[in-house]
Amino acid sequence: APQLTLLVPGGRPRPGELALTGPLTQA
């Protein structure tokens, strides 16, 4: 995305879903 500032959280991706979860995501 050309104008967007992208932040990426830590965490563990759920298989297939690839949703980030766990204490690193929450932190």
PDB file of all heavy atoms in Angstrom:
ATOM      1  N   ALA A   1       0.845  -1.201   0.000  1.00  0.00           N
ATOM      2  CA  ALA A   1       0.000   0.000   0.000  1.00  0.00           C
ATOM      3  C   ALA A   1       0.879   1.249   0.000  1.00  0.00           C
ATOM      4  O   ALA A   1       1.712   1.420   0.896  1.00  0.00           O
ATOM      5  CB  ALA A   1      -0.915  -0.011   1.215  1.00  0.00           C
ATOM      6  N   PRO A   2       0.703   2.149  -0.978  1.00  0.00           N
ATOM      7  CA  PRO A   2       1.674   3.235  -1.170  1.00  0.00           C
ATOM      8  C   PRO A   2       1.684   4.311  -0.089  1.00  0.00           C
ATOM      9  O   PRO A   2       2.748   4.846   0.230  1.00  0.00           O
ATOM     10  CB  PRO A   2       1.270   3.817  -2.527  1.00  0.00           C
ATOM     11  CG  PRO A   2      -0.166   3.437  -2.704  1.00  0.00           C
ATOM     12  CD  PRO A   2      -0.330   2.128  -2.024  1.00  0.00           C
ATOM     13  N   GLN A   3       0.504   4.659   0.449  1.00  0.00           N
ATOM     14  CA  GLN A   3       0.437   5.748   1.423  1.00  0.00           C
ATOM     15  C   GLN A   3       0.255   5.268   2.858  1.00  0.00           C
ATOM     16  O   GLN A   3       0.275   6.065   3.781  1.00  0.00           O
ATOM     17  CB  GLN A   3      -0.737   6.672   1.088  1.00  0.00           C
ATOM     18  CG  GLN A   3      -0.678   7.316  -0.289  1.00  0.00           C
ATOM     19  CD  GLN A   3      -1.863   8.239  -0.475  1.00  0.00           C
ATOM     20  OE1 GLN A   3      -1.863   9.390  -0.014  1.00  0.00           O
ATOM     21  NE2 GLN A   3      -2.882   7.749  -1.138  1.00  0.00           N
ATOM     22  N   LEU A   4       0.064   4.003   3.040  1.00  0.00           N
ATOM     23  CA  LEU A   4      -0.340   3.457   4.333  1.00  0.00           C
ATOM     24  C   LEU A   4       0.885   3.104   5.175  1.00  0.00           C
ATOM     25  O   LEU A   4       1.865   2.555   4.677  1.00  0.00           O
ATOM     26  CB  LEU A   4      -1.195   2.215   4.097  1.00  0.00           C
ATOM     27  CG  LEU A   4      -1.838   1.540   5.294  1.00  0.00           C
ATOM     28  CD1 LEU A   4      -3.257   1.107   4.946  1.00  0.00           C
ATOM     29  CD2 LEU A   4      -1.015   0.316   5.707  1.00  0.00           C
ATOM     30  N   THR A   5       0.825   3.450   6.465  1.00  0.00           N
ATOM     31  CA  THR A   5       1.854   3.029   7.419  1.00  0.00           C
ATOM     32  C   THR A   5       1.402   1.712   8.031  1.00  0.00           C
ATOM     33  O   THR A   5       0.376   1.656   8.708  1.00  0.00           O
ATOM     34  CB  THR A   5       2.050   4.078   8.528  1.00  0.00           C
ATOM     35  OG1 THR A   5       2.471   5.315   7.925  1.00  0.00           O
ATOM     36  CG2 THR A   5       3.101   3.619   9.531  1.00  0.00           C
ATOM     37  N   LEU A   6       2.152   0.659   7.766  1.00  0.00           N
ATOM     38  CA  LEU A   6       1.775  -0.682   8.202  1.00  0.00           C
ATOM     39  C   LEU A   6       2.548  -1.062   9.452  1.00  0.00           C
ATOM     40  O   LEU A   6       3.785  -1.040   9.468  1.00  0.00           O
ATOM     41  CB  LEU A   6       2.068  -1.686   7.078  1.00  0.00           C
ATOM     42  CG  LEU A   6       1.760  -3.149   7.364  1.00  0.00           C
ATOM     43  CD1 LEU A   6       0.276  -3.359   7.609  1.00  0.00           C
ATOM     44  CD2 LEU A   6       2.242  -4.024   6.197  1.00  0.00           C
ATOM     45  N   LEU A   7       1.822  -1.400  10.511  1.00  0.00           N
ATOM     46  CA  LEU A   7       2.411  -1.922  11.738  1.00  0.00           C
ATOM     47  C   LEU A   7       2.097  -3.411  11.821  1.00  0.00           C
ATOM     48  O   LEU A   7       0.981  -3.826  11.506  1.00  0.00           O
ATOM     49  CB  LEU A   7       1.834  -1.213  12.965  1.00  0.00           C
ATOM     50  CG  LEU A   7       1.943   0.313  12.999  1.00  0.00           C
ATOM     51  CD1 LEU A   7       1.277   0.849  14.259  1.00  0.00           C
ATOM     52  CD2 LEU A   7       3.393   0.758  12.914  1.00  0.00           C
ATOM     53  N   VAL A   8       3.050  -4.216  12.246  1.00  0.00           N
ATOM     54  CA  VAL A   8       2.857  -5.664  12.327  1.00  0.00           C
ATOM     55  C   VAL A   8       3.088  -6.116  13.764  1.00  0.00           C
ATOM     56  O   VAL A   8       4.175  -5.917  14.304  1.00  0.00           O
ATOM     57  CB  VAL A   8       3.810  -6.412  11.375  1.00  0.00           C
ATOM     58  CG1 VAL A   8       3.561  -7.918  11.456  1.00  0.00           C
ATOM     59  CG2 VAL A   8       3.630  -5.920   9.944  1.00  0.00           C
ATOM     60  N   PRO A   9       2.070  -6.721  14.395  1.00  0.00           N
ATOM     61  CA  PRO A   9       2.225  -7.169  15.780  1.00  0.00           C
ATOM     62  C   PRO A   9       3.014  -8.467  15.859  1.00  0.00           C
ATOM     63  O   PRO A   9       3.199  -9.167  14.855  1.00  0.00           O
ATOM     64  CB  PRO A   9       0.785  -7.399  16.238  1.00  0.00           C
ATOM     65  CG  PRO A   9       0.088  -7.816  14.976  1.00  0.00           C
ATOM     66  CD  PRO A   9       0.732  -7.017  13.868  1.00  0.00           C
ATOM     67  N   GLY A  10       3.485  -8.787  17.045  1.00  0.00           N
ATOM     68  CA  GLY A  10       4.031 -10.115  17.273  1.00  0.00           C
ATOM     69  C   GLY A  10       2.905 -11.111  17.443  1.00  0.00           C
ATOM     70  O   GLY A  10       1.734 -10.773  17.341  1.00  0.00           O
ATOM     71  N   GLY A  11       3.264 -12.360  17.702  1.00  0.00           N
ATOM     72  CA  GLY A  11       2.237 -13.356  17.958  1.00  0.00           C
ATOM     73  C   GLY A  11       2.432 -14.638  17.175  1.00  0.00           C
ATOM     74  O   GLY A  11       3.349 -14.774  16.370  1.00  0.00           O
ATOM     75  N   ARG A  12       1.535 -15.574  17.429  1.00  0.00           N
ATOM     76  CA  ARG A  12       1.573 -16.888  16.791  1.00  0.00           C
ATOM     77  C   ARG A  12       0.419 -16.998  15.798  1.00  0.00           C
ATOM     78  O   ARG A  12      -0.742 -16.886  16.183  1.00  0.00           O
ATOM     79  CB  ARG A  12       1.444 -17.974  17.858  1.00  0.00           C
ATOM     80  CG  ARG A  12       1.399 -19.397  17.305  1.00  0.00           C
ATOM     81  CD  ARG A  12       1.313 -20.410  18.447  1.00  0.00           C
ATOM     82  NE  ARG A  12       0.137 -20.184  19.283  1.00  0.00           N
ATOM     83  CZ  ARG A  12      -1.087 -20.648  19.005  1.00  0.00           C
ATOM     84  NH1 ARG A  12      -1.288 -21.336  17.902  1.00  0.00           N
ATOM     85  NH2 ARG A  12      -2.092 -20.412  19.819  1.00  0.00           N
ATOM     86  N   PRO A  13       0.694 -17.227  14.511  1.00  0.00           N
ATOM     87  CA  PRO A  13      -0.391 -17.369  13.535  1.00  0.00           C
ATOM     88  C   PRO A  13      -1.124 -18.693  13.719  1.00  0.00           C
ATOM     89  O   PRO A  13      -0.496 -19.743  13.844  1.00  0.00           O
ATOM     90  CB  PRO A  13       0.328 -17.333  12.181  1.00  0.00           C
ATOM     91  CG  PRO A  13       1.709 -16.856  12.458  1.00  0.00           C
ATOM     92  CD  PRO A  13       2.020 -17.263  13.859  1.00  0.00           C
ATOM     93  N   ARG A  14      -2.457 -18.638  13.749  1.00  0.00           N
ATOM     94  CA  ARG A  14      -3.253 -19.869  13.762  1.00  0.00           C
ATOM     95  C   ARG A  14      -3.178 -20.519  12.391  1.00  0.00           C
ATOM     96  O   ARG A  14      -3.350 -19.842  11.378  1.00  0.00           O
ATOM     97  CB  ARG A  14      -4.707 -19.553  14.102  1.00  0.00           C
ATOM     98  CG  ARG A  14      -4.956 -19.112  15.532  1.00  0.00           C
ATOM     99  CD  ARG A  14      -6.371 -18.600  15.711  1.00  0.00           C
ATOM    100  NE  ARG A  14      -7.373 -19.570  15.291  1.00  0.00           N
ATOM    101  CZ  ARG A  14      -8.631 -19.251  14.975  1.00  0.00           C
ATOM    102  NH1 ARG A  14      -9.018 -17.985  14.994  1.00  0.00           N
ATOM    103  NH2 ARG A  14      -9.476 -20.184  14.632  1.00  0.00           N
ATOM    104  N   PRO A  15      -2.933 -21.821  12.320  1.00  0.00           N
ATOM    105  CA  PRO A  15      -2.831 -22.488  11.017  1.00  0.00           C
ATOM    106  C   PRO A  15      -4.080 -22.251  10.163  1.00  0.00           C
ATOM    107  O   PRO A  15      -5.198 -22.308  10.651  1.00  0.00           O
ATOM    108  CB  PRO A  15      -2.698 -23.972  11.403  1.00  0.00           C
ATOM    109  CG  PRO A  15      -2.094 -23.951  12.776  1.00  0.00           C
ATOM    110  CD  PRO A  15      -2.695 -22.743  13.444  1.00  0.00           C
ATOM    111  N   GLY A  16      -3.853 -21.977   8.884  1.00  0.00           N
ATOM    112  CA  GLY A  16      -4.960 -21.756   7.955  1.00  0.00           C
ATOM    113  C   GLY A  16      -5.559 -20.373   8.105  1.00  0.00           C
ATOM    114  O   GLY A  16      -5.602 -19.584   7.164  1.00  0.00           O
ATOM    115  N   GLU A  17      -6.000 -20.059   9.300  1.00  0.00           N
ATOM    116  CA  GLU A  17      -6.607 -18.760   9.582  1.00  0.00           C
ATOM    117  C   GLU A  17      -5.593 -17.632   9.488  1.00  0.00           C
ATOM    118  O   GLU A  17      -5.899 -16.519   9.066  1.00  0.00           O
ATOM    119  CB  GLU A  17      -7.225 -18.794  10.984  1.00  0.00           C
ATOM    120  CG  GLU A  17      -8.203 -17.701  11.287  1.00  0.00           C
ATOM    121  CD  GLU A  17      -9.538 -17.922  10.612  1.00  0.00           C
ATOM    122  OE1 GLU A  17      -9.831 -19.065  10.215  1.00  0.00           O
ATOM    123  OE2 GLU A  17     -10.276 -16.935  10.470  1.00  0.00           O
ATOM    124  N   LEU A  18      -4.364 -17.900   9.929  1.00  0.00           N
ATOM    125  CA  LEU A  18      -3.258 -16.941   9.992  1.00  0.00           C
ATOM    126  C   LEU A  18      -3.583 -15.727  10.860  1.00  0.00           C
ATOM    127  O   LEU A  18      -2.973 -14.662  10.702  1.00  0.00           O
ATOM    128  CB  LEU A  18      -2.817 -16.511   8.583  1.00  0.00           C
ATOM    129  CG  LEU A  18      -2.273 -17.629   7.691  1.00  0.00           C
ATOM    130  CD1 LEU A  18      -1.702 -17.050   6.408  1.00  0.00           C
ATOM    131  CD2 LEU A  18      -1.224 -18.472   8.402  1.00  0.00           C
ATOM    132  N   ALA A  19      -4.553 -15.887  11.760  1.00  0.00           N
ATOM    133  CA  ALA A  19      -4.817 -14.848  12.766  1.00  0.00           C
ATOM    134  C   ALA A  19      -3.710 -14.886  13.799  1.00  0.00           C
ATOM    135  O   ALA A  19      -3.280 -15.957  14.234  1.00  0.00           O
ATOM    136  CB  ALA A  19      -6.166 -15.094  13.425  1.00  0.00           C
ATOM    137  N   LEU A  20      -3.233 -13.719  14.216  1.00  0.00           N
ATOM    138  CA  LEU A  20      -2.161 -13.626  15.202  1.00  0.00           C
ATOM    139  C   LEU A  20      -2.757 -13.654  16.604  1.00  0.00           C
ATOM    140  O   LEU A  20      -3.666 -12.868  16.927  1.00  0.00           O
ATOM    141  CB  LEU A  20      -1.358 -12.354  14.973  1.00  0.00           C
ATOM    142  CG  LEU A  20      -0.562 -12.382  13.652  1.00  0.00           C
ATOM    143  CD1 LEU A  20      -0.177 -10.987  13.223  1.00  0.00           C
ATOM    144  CD2 LEU A  20       0.661 -13.267  13.785  1.00  0.00           C
ATOM    145  N   THR A  21      -2.263 -14.532  17.447  1.00  0.00           N
ATOM    146  CA  THR A  21      -2.799 -14.691  18.797  1.00  0.00           C
ATOM    147  C   THR A  21      -1.665 -14.870  19.788  1.00  0.00           C
ATOM    148  O   THR A  21      -0.495 -15.027  19.410  1.00  0.00           O
ATOM    149  CB  THR A  21      -3.731 -15.920  18.884  1.00  0.00           C
ATOM    150  OG1 THR A  21      -2.987 -17.103  18.572  1.00  0.00           O
ATOM    151  CG2 THR A  21      -4.912 -15.804  17.928  1.00  0.00           C
ATOM    152  N   GLY A  22      -2.051 -14.847  21.070  1.00  0.00           N
ATOM    153  CA  GLY A  22      -1.081 -15.114  22.118  1.00  0.00           C
ATOM    154  C   GLY A  22      -0.598 -13.863  22.820  1.00  0.00           C
ATOM    155  O   GLY A  22      -0.973 -12.728  22.479  1.00  0.00           O
ATOM    156  N   PRO A  23       0.259 -14.022  23.840  1.00  0.00           N
ATOM    157  CA  PRO A  23       0.697 -12.886  24.664  1.00  0.00           C
ATOM    158  C   PRO A  23       1.468 -11.827  23.896  1.00  0.00           C
ATOM    159  O   PRO A  23       1.400 -10.638  24.243  1.00  0.00           O
ATOM    160  CB  PRO A  23       1.573 -13.546  25.743  1.00  0.00           C
ATOM    161  CG  PRO A  23       1.897 -14.909  25.226  1.00  0.00           C
ATOM    162  CD  PRO A  23       0.763 -15.306  24.364  1.00  0.00           C
ATOM    163  N   LEU A  24       2.224 -12.207  22.857  1.00  0.00           N
ATOM    164  CA  LEU A  24       2.944 -11.199  22.082  1.00  0.00           C
ATOM    165  C   LEU A  24       1.983 -10.291  21.318  1.00  0.00           C
ATOM    166  O   LEU A  24       2.201  -9.075  21.212  1.00  0.00           O
ATOM    167  CB  LEU A  24       3.916 -11.874  21.112  1.00  0.00           C
ATOM    168  CG  LEU A  24       5.097 -12.617  21.735  1.00  0.00           C
ATOM    169  CD1 LEU A  24       5.923 -13.306  20.654  1.00  0.00           C
ATOM    170  CD2 LEU A  24       5.974 -11.664  22.539  1.00  0.00           C
ATOM    171  N   THR A  25       0.918 -10.860  20.780  1.00  0.00           N
ATOM    172  CA  THR A  25      -0.093 -10.051  20.092  1.00  0.00           C
ATOM    173  C   THR A  25      -0.783  -9.114  21.072  1.00  0.00           C
ATOM    174  O   THR A  25      -0.967  -7.921  20.792  1.00  0.00           O
ATOM    175  CB  THR A  25      -1.136 -10.958  19.418  1.00  0.00           C
ATOM    176  OG1 THR A  25      -0.479 -11.958  18.649  1.00  0.00           O
ATOM    177  CG2 THR A  25      -2.048 -10.151  18.515  1.00  0.00           C
ATOM    178  N   GLN A  26      -1.170  -9.652  22.224  1.00  0.00           N
ATOM    179  CA  GLN A  26      -1.847  -8.830  23.223  1.00  0.00           C
ATOM    180  C   GLN A  26      -0.939  -7.719  23.745  1.00  0.00           C
ATOM    181  O   GLN A  26      -1.395  -6.590  23.977  1.00  0.00           O
ATOM    182  CB  GLN A  26      -2.343  -9.711  24.356  1.00  0.00           C
ATOM    183  CG  GLN A  26      -3.442 -10.670  23.918  1.00  0.00           C
ATOM    184  CD  GLN A  26      -3.901 -11.577  25.030  1.00  0.00           C
ATOM    185  OE1 GLN A  26      -4.258 -11.128  26.117  1.00  0.00           O
ATOM    186  NE2 GLN A  26      -3.886 -12.889  24.786  1.00  0.00           N
ATOM    187  N   ALA A  27       0.367  -8.010  23.911  1.00  0.00           N
ATOM    188  CA  ALA A  27       1.305  -6.983  24.357  1.00  0.00           C
ATOM    189  C   ALA A  27       1.455  -5.886  23.310  1.00  0.00           C
ATOM    190  O   ALA A  27       1.558  -4.690  23.651  1.00  0.00           O
ATOM    191  CB  ALA A  27       2.661  -7.621  24.666  1.00  0.00           C
TER     192      ALA A  27
END
